[in-house]
Amino acid sequence: MKNLAIKILTIGLTATLLAGCFTACKATATAGANAPQAKQEQAANENKGEKQVMGGWTIPESTEITEEHKKIYNNAISKYDGTGRGHEPVALLATQVVAGTNYCFYCKSTTESSHGPLESMIMYINVNPSGEADIIKTDRELIPGYGEAVGGWQYAKDTSITENVKKIMSKATETLTGATYEPVIYMGSQLVSGTNHMILCKMAPSVKELNGATSYVIVTVYENLEGKCEITETKDYKLGI
């Protein structure tokens, strides 16, 4: 009888141990299966606040051209006979992280014709991981009807945002809602009954939740003979190669 009781107790303990092992193995297998998902969720949580998107363009707060930017520009145009030699970069519009870094520069002409300054252009330059710069695209179709003898647009000799340009934009946008326009480049003008001004601006939605969605817009402002200003046209400028 005593031996029977011992056998029953032994069987019970063995069953309990086996059940515990089975539960532990199942829990380990479940944890292992969920590990990749847990890592993905952790990575997603870490990237929630990240603003830089690989392959996307970043618009800088300051468009100022530095000495390093000038070196990049000169390095790139030195490989060509004509492209870029009659221009100089006056604003850094954006950068893009790729195999190295892409730069987008607004460039004004340093030479003139009988109609005034030659056309400005936007130039895209890639600096590869070795530090070598090369032109990958130029965009010259910025102002329609440039150079026409009568009533045509003229590119600006001075592309800086002067106090007068700021006043023109302020007057033109004083009743504007939904977006803010920050003038970056004074592109050109056209004499009519008054003056048309073309200005490259950073545009940002005025809604706080959308402040990160900054883009570039080419704004045409009509200034009449009495000095009243109004926006007559806006055209998105799409960054891209």
Protein backbone atom coordinates (compact mmCIF):
# COMPACT_ATOMS: atom_id res chain seq x y z
CA MET A 1 0.00 0.00 0.00
CA LYS A 2 2.82 2.26 0.96
CA ASN A 3 4.62 1.54 -2.33
CA LEU A 4 1.44 2.33 -4.29
CA ALA A 5 1.11 5.72 -2.59
CA ILE A 6 4.72 6.53 -3.41
CA LYS A 7 4.19 5.56 -7.08
CA ILE A 8 1.08 7.77 -7.34
CA LEU A 9 2.92 10.69 -5.75
CA THR A 10 5.85 10.23 -8.14
CA ILE A 11 3.54 10.16 -11.18
CA GLY A 12 1.81 13.33 -9.99
CA LEU A 13 5.08 15.19 -9.50
CA THR A 14 6.31 14.09 -12.94
CA ALA A 15 3.10 15.29 -14.58
CA THR A 16 3.36 18.65 -12.81
CA LEU A 17 6.97 19.08 -13.93
CA LEU A 18 6.10 18.17 -17.52
CA ALA A 19 3.20 20.64 -17.55
CA GLY A 20 5.46 23.37 -16.20
CA CYS A 21 8.09 22.68 -18.84
CA PHE A 22 5.46 22.72 -21.57
CA THR A 23 4.08 26.06 -20.36
CA ALA A 24 7.56 27.56 -20.12
CA CYS A 25 8.48 26.37 -23.64
CA LYS A 26 5.23 27.75 -25.03
CA ALA A 27 5.83 31.12 -23.37
CA THR A 28 9.39 31.22 -24.75
CA ALA A 29 8.21 30.35 -28.26
CA THR A 30 5.49 33.03 -28.09
CA ALA A 31 7.98 35.63 -26.90
CA GLY A 32 10.35 34.67 -29.70
CA ALA A 33 7.61 34.94 -32.30
CA ASN A 34 6.61 38.40 -31.01
CA ALA A 35 10.20 39.71 -30.81
CA PRO A 36 10.36 41.06 -34.40
CA GLN A 37 6.99 42.77 -33.93
CA ALA A 38 8.17 44.30 -30.65
CA LYS A 39 11.32 45.60 -32.33
CA GLN A 40 9.29 47.08 -35.18
CA GLU A 41 6.97 48.83 -32.73
CA GLN A 42 9.97 50.15 -30.79
CA ALA A 43 11.57 51.49 -33.98
CA ALA A 44 8.30 53.08 -35.05
CA ASN A 45 8.00 54.81 -31.68
CA GLU A 46 11.58 56.07 -31.90
CA ASN A 47 11.00 57.50 -35.41
CA LYS A 48 7.73 59.26 -34.62
CA GLY A 49 9.43 62.57 -33.93
CA GLU A 50 11.89 62.34 -36.83
CA LYS A 51 11.40 65.08 -39.46
CA GLN A 52 14.16 64.18 -41.91
CA VAL A 53 12.98 61.69 -44.53
CA MET A 54 15.68 59.82 -46.47
CA GLY A 55 15.44 60.84 -50.11
CA GLY A 56 13.31 63.91 -49.36
CA TRP A 57 14.27 67.57 -49.71
CA THR A 58 14.94 69.69 -46.62
CA ILE A 59 14.28 73.43 -46.78
CA PRO A 60 16.72 75.28 -44.49
CA GLU A 61 15.70 78.07 -42.15
CA SER A 62 18.44 80.25 -43.61
CA THR A 63 19.05 80.41 -47.37
CA GLU A 64 22.34 82.27 -46.93
CA ILE A 65 25.22 81.21 -49.16
CA THR A 66 28.32 80.27 -47.17
CA GLU A 67 31.93 79.97 -48.28
CA GLU A 68 31.49 76.18 -48.34
CA HIS A 69 28.52 76.55 -50.72
CA LYS A 70 30.64 78.75 -53.02
CA LYS A 71 33.36 76.08 -53.07
CA ILE A 72 30.79 73.42 -53.98
CA TYR A 73 29.43 75.60 -56.80
CA ASN A 74 32.86 76.48 -58.20
CA ASN A 75 33.99 72.85 -58.00
CA ALA A 76 30.94 71.76 -60.00
CA ILE A 77 31.10 74.41 -62.76
CA SER A 78 34.88 73.99 -63.21
CA LYS A 79 34.14 70.79 -65.14
CA TYR A 80 32.14 72.63 -67.82
CA ASP A 81 33.05 75.26 -70.41
CA GLY A 82 30.04 77.51 -70.06
CA THR A 83 27.37 76.24 -67.67
CA GLY A 84 27.27 78.27 -64.49
CA ARG A 85 30.25 80.48 -65.28
CA GLY A 86 28.09 83.55 -65.95
CA HIS A 87 26.15 83.09 -62.71
CA GLU A 88 26.66 83.06 -58.98
CA PRO A 89 24.64 81.33 -56.25
CA VAL A 90 22.62 83.75 -54.12
CA ALA A 91 20.42 81.37 -52.09
CA LEU A 92 20.48 77.78 -50.89
CA LEU A 93 16.92 76.60 -51.47
CA ALA A 94 17.17 73.00 -50.25
CA THR A 95 19.34 69.94 -49.62
CA GLN A 96 18.68 66.23 -50.14
CA VAL A 97 20.46 63.25 -48.58
CA VAL A 98 21.22 60.63 -51.25
CA ALA A 99 24.54 58.98 -52.21
CA GLY A 100 26.24 62.02 -50.78
CA THR A 101 24.19 65.25 -50.76
CA ASN A 102 22.24 67.16 -53.41
CA TYR A 103 22.12 70.96 -53.22
CA CYS A 104 19.58 73.26 -54.86
CA PHE A 105 20.87 76.81 -55.49
CA TYR A 106 19.14 79.89 -56.90
CA CYS A 107 21.69 81.60 -59.14
CA LYS A 108 21.61 85.10 -60.61
CA SER A 109 23.39 86.25 -63.76
CA THR A 110 26.65 88.15 -63.45
CA THR A 111 26.48 89.39 -67.07
CA GLU A 112 24.03 91.66 -68.89
CA SER A 113 22.59 92.10 -72.36
CA SER A 114 20.87 95.09 -73.98
CA HIS A 115 17.72 94.04 -72.09
CA GLY A 116 19.43 93.96 -68.67
CA PRO A 117 20.60 90.98 -66.60
CA LEU A 118 20.50 87.61 -68.33
CA GLU A 119 18.19 84.92 -67.06
CA SER A 120 18.57 83.55 -63.57
CA MET A 121 18.46 79.82 -63.00
CA ILE A 122 18.07 77.15 -60.35
CA MET A 123 20.97 74.70 -60.28
CA TYR A 124 21.08 71.23 -58.72
CA ILE A 125 24.51 69.94 -57.66
CA ASN A 126 25.47 66.57 -56.20
CA VAL A 127 28.42 66.19 -53.84
CA ASN A 128 29.35 62.50 -53.77
CA PRO A 129 30.73 60.67 -50.70
CA SER A 130 34.27 61.47 -51.90
CA GLY A 131 33.53 65.19 -51.82
CA GLU A 132 33.45 65.75 -55.60
CA ALA A 133 30.74 68.10 -56.90
CA ASP A 134 28.92 67.79 -60.22
CA ILE A 135 25.99 69.56 -61.89
CA ILE A 136 22.99 67.28 -62.31
CA LYS A 137 20.31 69.72 -63.50
CA THR A 138 19.66 73.38 -64.34
CA ASP A 139 16.23 74.97 -64.46
CA ARG A 140 16.12 78.16 -66.55
CA GLU A 141 12.42 78.41 -67.32
CA LEU A 142 11.54 80.62 -64.35
CA ILE A 143 10.05 83.76 -65.93
CA PRO A 144 7.87 83.56 -69.07
CA GLY A 145 8.34 86.14 -71.82
CA TYR A 146 11.79 87.17 -70.57
CA GLY A 147 13.64 89.69 -72.74
CA GLU A 148 10.73 90.87 -74.91
CA ALA A 149 11.42 94.40 -76.10
CA VAL A 150 8.03 95.80 -75.05
CA GLY A 151 6.14 94.73 -71.95
CA GLY A 152 8.41 91.79 -71.21
CA TRP A 153 9.69 90.56 -67.89
CA GLN A 154 13.20 91.50 -66.82
CA TYR A 155 15.28 89.47 -64.40
CA ALA A 156 16.36 91.41 -61.33
CA LYS A 157 19.93 92.65 -61.06
CA ASP A 158 19.50 92.80 -57.30
CA THR A 159 17.78 89.61 -56.08
CA SER A 160 17.95 90.52 -52.39
CA ILE A 161 14.83 91.12 -50.32
CA THR A 162 15.01 94.86 -49.71
CA GLU A 163 12.78 96.89 -47.41
CA ASN A 164 10.76 97.93 -50.47
CA VAL A 165 10.17 94.29 -51.47
CA LYS A 166 9.10 93.50 -47.89
CA LYS A 167 6.59 96.37 -48.01
CA ILE A 168 5.20 95.12 -51.34
CA MET A 169 4.70 91.62 -49.91
CA SER A 170 3.25 92.98 -46.67
CA LYS A 171 0.67 95.04 -48.55
CA ALA A 172 -0.20 92.16 -50.84
CA THR A 173 -0.71 89.65 -48.01
CA GLU A 174 -2.27 91.82 -45.29
CA THR A 175 -5.71 90.26 -45.82
CA LEU A 176 -4.41 86.80 -46.70
CA THR A 177 -5.49 83.89 -44.49
CA GLY A 178 -4.54 80.23 -44.42
CA ALA A 179 -0.85 80.61 -45.32
CA THR A 180 2.18 82.78 -44.68
CA TYR A 181 4.63 83.91 -47.38
CA GLU A 182 8.27 84.64 -46.58
CA PRO A 183 10.04 86.37 -49.50
CA VAL A 184 13.39 84.73 -50.33
CA ILE A 185 14.39 85.98 -53.81
CA TYR A 186 13.28 89.00 -55.84
CA MET A 187 13.20 87.36 -59.26
CA GLY A 188 12.18 90.13 -61.65
CA SER A 189 9.71 92.79 -62.74
CA GLN A 190 7.49 93.84 -65.61
CA LEU A 191 6.43 97.41 -66.40
CA VAL A 192 2.72 97.69 -67.16
CA SER A 193 0.25 100.29 -65.91
CA GLY A 194 2.15 100.05 -62.67
CA THR A 195 4.57 97.19 -62.02
CA ASN A 196 4.36 93.42 -61.76
CA HIS A 197 6.81 91.87 -59.33
CA MET A 198 7.84 88.21 -59.28
CA ILE A 199 9.06 86.92 -55.90
CA LEU A 200 10.13 83.45 -54.79
CA CYS A 201 8.67 82.80 -51.35
CA LYS A 202 8.65 80.12 -48.69
CA MET A 203 5.03 79.24 -48.05
CA ALA A 204 3.83 77.64 -44.82
CA PRO A 205 0.25 76.91 -43.69
CA SER A 206 -0.76 79.24 -40.86
CA VAL A 207 -2.40 76.32 -39.01
CA LYS A 208 0.02 75.31 -36.25
CA GLU A 209 -0.41 71.58 -36.81
CA LEU A 210 0.78 71.95 -40.42
CA ASN A 211 3.79 74.23 -39.88
CA GLY A 212 6.20 71.56 -41.13
CA ALA A 213 4.70 71.56 -44.64
CA THR A 214 6.86 74.40 -45.96
CA SER A 215 7.24 74.71 -49.74
CA TYR A 216 8.33 77.21 -52.39
CA VAL A 217 5.90 79.37 -54.33
CA ILE A 218 6.57 81.87 -57.13
CA VAL A 219 4.30 84.82 -56.33
CA THR A 220 3.32 87.54 -58.81
CA VAL A 221 2.30 90.84 -57.18
CA TYR A 222 0.72 93.73 -59.08
CA GLU A 223 1.56 97.19 -57.73
CA ASN A 224 -0.59 99.93 -59.21
CA LEU A 225 0.43 103.57 -59.75
CA GLU A 226 -0.99 104.52 -56.33
CA GLY A 227 1.12 101.87 -54.57
CA LYS A 228 -1.68 99.39 -53.84
CA CYS A 229 -0.47 95.78 -54.08
CA GLU A 230 -2.28 92.51 -54.70
CA ILE A 231 -1.30 88.95 -55.51
CA THR A 232 -2.40 88.08 -59.05
CA GLU A 233 -0.84 84.62 -59.41
CA THR A 234 0.90 81.93 -57.38
CA LYS A 235 2.78 78.99 -58.84
CA ASP A 236 4.24 76.13 -56.82
CA TYR A 237 7.92 75.46 -57.46
CA LYS A 238 8.50 71.72 -57.19
CA LEU A 239 11.94 70.75 -55.96
CA GLY A 240 13.26 67.77 -57.88
CA ILE A 241 15.77 66.38 -60.33
